[in-house]
Amino acid sequence: MTDELAAHLARAWAETRPIEILAVVLAIAYLLLAIRQSIGCWIAAFVSSCLYVWVFFGARLYMDSVLNVFYAAMAVYGFWQWRGGRVGAALAVRRWSGARNALGAMGVLGLSLVSSYFLRRFTPAAWPFVDSMVSWGSVFATFLVARKVYDNWHWWLVIDSVSLCLYFIRGLYLTVLLFALYLALIVLGMREWRRNLPLEAHAA
């Protein structure tokens, strides 16, 4: 099994287009900069997202392709928010209540049921419900990042685990490696952002 996976990865690397390689590099840069709470993360996110629109469309992961259009827009929003938005004050890391996260999860599930129905009916989409769940979950988690909500890391832990399996099935092996790295960096992100939480939020 290990030799087979190594052979798959070697073949995938040889077949990987430069556009996916650049998208991966910039995606890693985004996450590393986000962990450090550097506003430059949103510039890397914008360019990477634009590149991934093309990559995922070619893999027939249409919701992921549309999702990256959203990511590009959210990169602009996140940049504006982290600079201080209208009030000119930088955002501080904070937590959301379990109830607010539960409402977010219900919204993600509802939207996923709707979008997966249309994907099954009108497109040859691969794994429409899983693709939809990943996409809508990512929409919500990205909003949490833009607002510097600590809980975003818990959302990404689940989302990226599912995404890794999905991209492996679709043969996007370099992106699989990216998401494996994401999982490790998510743990680092949790630790780094937790240091900036108000003391009362640590007990939550």
Protein backbone atom coordinates (compact mmCIF):
# COMPACT_ATOMS: atom_id res chain seq x y z
CA MET A 1 0.00 0.00 0.00
CA THR A 2 2.83 2.38 0.85
CA ASP A 3 4.63 1.60 -2.43
CA GLU A 4 1.40 2.07 -4.35
CA LEU A 5 0.78 5.46 -2.72
CA ALA A 6 4.38 6.52 -3.42
CA ALA A 7 3.94 5.52 -7.06
CA HIS A 8 0.69 7.50 -7.26
CA LEU A 9 2.35 10.57 -5.75
CA ALA A 10 5.34 10.32 -8.09
CA ARG A 11 3.06 10.05 -11.11
CA ALA A 12 0.84 12.85 -9.84
CA TRP A 13 3.86 15.12 -9.31
CA ALA A 14 4.97 14.49 -12.89
CA GLU A 15 1.47 15.31 -14.15
CA THR A 16 0.83 18.29 -11.87
CA ARG A 17 0.42 21.56 -13.70
CA PRO A 18 2.41 24.64 -12.62
CA ILE A 19 -0.84 26.44 -11.79
CA GLU A 20 -1.67 23.89 -9.06
CA ILE A 21 1.88 24.02 -7.69
CA LEU A 22 1.72 27.81 -7.38
CA ALA A 23 -1.75 27.61 -5.81
CA VAL A 24 -0.43 25.14 -3.23
CA VAL A 25 2.61 27.27 -2.36
CA LEU A 26 0.47 30.37 -1.88
CA ALA A 27 -2.11 28.43 0.14
CA ILE A 28 0.63 27.29 2.53
CA ALA A 29 1.90 30.86 2.75
CA TYR A 30 -1.63 32.02 3.61
CA LEU A 31 -1.99 29.62 6.51
CA LEU A 32 1.46 30.31 7.93
CA LEU A 33 0.82 34.06 7.81
CA ALA A 34 -2.68 33.61 9.28
CA ILE A 35 -1.23 31.69 12.24
CA ARG A 36 1.04 34.68 12.88
CA GLN A 37 -1.97 37.01 12.39
CA SER A 38 -0.11 38.79 9.58
CA ILE A 39 -2.38 40.78 7.28
CA GLY A 40 -0.28 39.58 4.33
CA CYS A 41 -2.10 36.25 4.59
CA TRP A 42 -5.03 37.75 2.71
CA ILE A 43 -2.88 38.71 -0.29
CA ALA A 44 -1.60 35.13 -0.58
CA ALA A 45 -5.16 33.86 -0.11
CA PHE A 46 -6.52 36.04 -2.91
CA VAL A 47 -4.02 34.87 -5.53
CA SER A 48 -4.18 31.21 -4.45
CA SER A 49 -7.98 31.23 -4.57
CA CYS A 50 -8.04 32.66 -8.08
CA LEU A 51 -5.73 29.88 -9.25
CA TYR A 52 -7.75 27.17 -7.52
CA VAL A 53 -10.95 28.26 -9.29
CA TRP A 54 -9.40 26.88 -12.47
CA VAL A 55 -7.87 23.78 -10.85
CA PHE A 56 -11.09 22.56 -9.21
CA PHE A 57 -13.25 23.32 -12.24
CA GLY A 58 -11.00 21.04 -14.26
CA ALA A 59 -11.49 18.29 -11.63
CA ARG A 60 -15.32 18.70 -11.86
CA LEU A 61 -15.50 19.82 -8.23
CA TYR A 62 -17.81 22.66 -9.10
CA MET A 63 -18.74 23.71 -5.59
CA ASP A 64 -15.06 23.90 -4.69
CA SER A 65 -14.49 26.04 -7.78
CA VAL A 66 -17.28 28.42 -6.79
CA LEU A 67 -16.01 28.32 -3.21
CA ASN A 68 -12.69 29.73 -4.31
CA VAL A 69 -14.43 32.66 -5.97
CA PHE A 70 -15.87 33.31 -2.53
CA TYR A 71 -12.44 32.87 -0.95
CA ALA A 72 -11.03 35.55 -3.23
CA ALA A 73 -13.81 37.93 -2.20
CA MET A 74 -13.33 37.04 1.47
CA ALA A 75 -9.61 37.75 1.13
CA VAL A 76 -10.52 41.33 0.26
CA TYR A 77 -12.98 41.45 3.19
CA GLY A 78 -10.48 39.87 5.59
CA PHE A 79 -7.77 42.33 4.58
CA TRP A 80 -10.15 45.21 5.23
CA GLN A 81 -11.28 43.77 8.59
CA TRP A 82 -7.77 43.08 9.85
CA ARG A 83 -6.74 46.62 8.94
CA GLY A 84 -9.49 47.87 11.24
CA GLY A 85 -12.57 48.15 9.03
CA ARG A 86 -14.66 51.27 9.43
CA VAL A 87 -13.69 51.99 13.01
CA GLY A 88 -9.95 51.75 12.39
CA ALA A 89 -9.33 49.43 15.37
CA ALA A 90 -7.57 46.10 14.79
CA LEU A 91 -9.61 42.98 15.56
CA ALA A 92 -8.85 40.96 18.69
CA VAL A 93 -9.09 37.17 18.88
CA ARG A 94 -12.34 36.01 20.50
CA ARG A 95 -14.56 32.95 20.86
CA TRP A 96 -18.12 32.17 19.82
CA SER A 97 -20.60 30.35 22.03
CA GLY A 98 -21.58 26.75 21.39
CA ALA A 99 -25.06 27.95 20.42
CA ARG A 100 -23.70 30.24 17.69
CA ASN A 101 -21.52 27.46 16.33
CA ALA A 102 -24.49 25.06 16.39
CA LEU A 103 -26.57 27.55 14.40
CA GLY A 104 -23.70 27.78 11.92
CA ALA A 105 -23.63 23.98 11.61
CA MET A 106 -27.39 23.86 10.97
CA GLY A 107 -27.03 26.51 8.29
CA VAL A 108 -24.20 24.58 6.64
CA LEU A 109 -26.26 21.37 6.62
CA GLY A 110 -29.34 23.06 5.17
CA LEU A 111 -27.43 24.81 2.40
CA SER A 112 -25.56 21.59 1.60
CA LEU A 113 -28.80 19.66 1.14
CA VAL A 114 -30.09 22.30 -1.28
CA SER A 115 -26.91 22.70 -3.33
CA SER A 116 -26.23 18.94 -3.52
CA TYR A 117 -29.74 18.42 -4.94
CA PHE A 118 -29.06 20.86 -7.77
CA LEU A 119 -25.59 19.45 -8.39
CA ARG A 120 -26.98 15.91 -8.71
CA ARG A 121 -29.80 17.06 -10.96
CA PHE A 122 -27.99 19.40 -13.32
CA THR A 123 -24.25 18.54 -13.29
CA PRO A 124 -21.93 15.51 -13.43
CA ALA A 125 -20.48 16.62 -10.08
CA ALA A 126 -18.40 14.15 -8.10
CA TRP A 127 -19.59 13.52 -4.51
CA PRO A 128 -22.17 16.36 -4.55
CA PHE A 129 -23.24 16.24 -0.89
CA VAL A 130 -19.70 15.91 0.52
CA ASP A 131 -18.47 18.59 -1.89
CA SER A 132 -21.32 20.84 -0.76
CA MET A 133 -20.67 20.24 2.95
CA VAL A 134 -16.98 21.04 2.52
CA SER A 135 -17.81 24.15 0.53
CA TRP A 136 -20.46 25.64 2.83
CA GLY A 137 -18.48 24.68 5.92
CA SER A 138 -15.49 26.46 4.45
CA VAL A 139 -17.59 29.53 3.74
CA PHE A 140 -18.57 29.71 7.40
CA ALA A 141 -15.06 28.95 8.69
CA THR A 142 -13.51 31.58 6.41
CA PHE A 143 -15.90 34.17 7.80
CA LEU A 144 -14.75 33.19 11.29
CA VAL A 145 -11.11 33.71 10.26
CA ALA A 146 -11.91 37.13 8.84
CA ARG A 147 -13.54 38.06 12.16
CA LYS A 148 -10.66 36.49 14.17
CA VAL A 149 -12.93 33.98 15.89
CA TYR A 150 -10.80 31.28 17.53
CA ASP A 151 -13.36 28.55 16.81
CA ASN A 152 -12.43 28.66 13.12
CA TRP A 153 -9.62 26.19 13.85
CA HIS A 154 -12.06 23.54 15.08
CA TRP A 155 -14.12 23.95 11.93
CA TRP A 156 -11.06 23.67 9.71
CA LEU A 157 -9.91 20.51 11.49
CA VAL A 158 -13.09 18.73 10.40
CA ILE A 159 -13.34 20.35 6.98
CA ASP A 160 -9.76 19.68 5.96
CA SER A 161 -9.91 16.06 7.12
CA VAL A 162 -12.91 15.46 4.84
CA SER A 163 -11.33 17.48 2.02
CA LEU A 164 -8.15 15.41 2.15
CA CYS A 165 -10.14 12.23 1.52
CA LEU A 166 -12.18 13.86 -1.26
CA TYR A 167 -9.16 15.17 -3.14
CA PHE A 168 -7.40 11.81 -2.86
CA ILE A 169 -10.39 10.15 -4.52
CA ARG A 170 -10.33 12.79 -7.30
CA GLY A 171 -6.60 12.30 -7.90
CA LEU A 172 -5.41 15.74 -6.76
CA TYR A 173 -2.45 14.25 -4.92
CA LEU A 174 -0.40 17.42 -4.49
CA THR A 175 -3.43 19.07 -2.93
CA VAL A 176 -3.79 15.99 -0.69
CA LEU A 177 -0.28 16.69 0.61
CA LEU A 178 -1.25 20.33 1.11
CA PHE A 179 -4.23 19.36 3.26
CA ALA A 180 -2.16 16.89 5.28
CA LEU A 181 0.16 19.80 6.05
CA TYR A 182 -2.89 21.94 6.85
CA LEU A 183 -3.96 19.48 9.53
CA ALA A 184 -0.61 19.80 11.26
CA LEU A 185 -0.63 23.59 10.96
CA ILE A 186 -4.18 23.78 12.32
CA VAL A 187 -2.93 22.39 15.62
CA LEU A 188 -0.23 25.07 15.64
CA GLY A 189 -2.83 27.72 14.81
CA MET A 190 -5.00 26.64 17.72
CA ARG A 191 -2.10 27.01 20.11
CA GLU A 192 -0.94 30.37 18.78
CA TRP A 193 -4.37 32.02 18.64
CA ARG A 194 -5.32 30.64 22.06
CA ARG A 195 -2.50 32.70 23.56
CA ASN A 196 -4.30 35.84 22.39
CA LEU A 197 -7.70 34.96 23.84
CA PRO A 198 -9.01 36.97 26.80
CA LEU A 199 -8.47 35.08 30.07
CA GLU A 200 -12.18 34.40 30.55
CA ALA A 201 -12.39 32.74 27.12
CA HIS A 202 -9.83 30.06 28.04
CA ALA A 203 -12.33 28.42 30.34
CA ALA A 204 -14.99 28.26 27.62
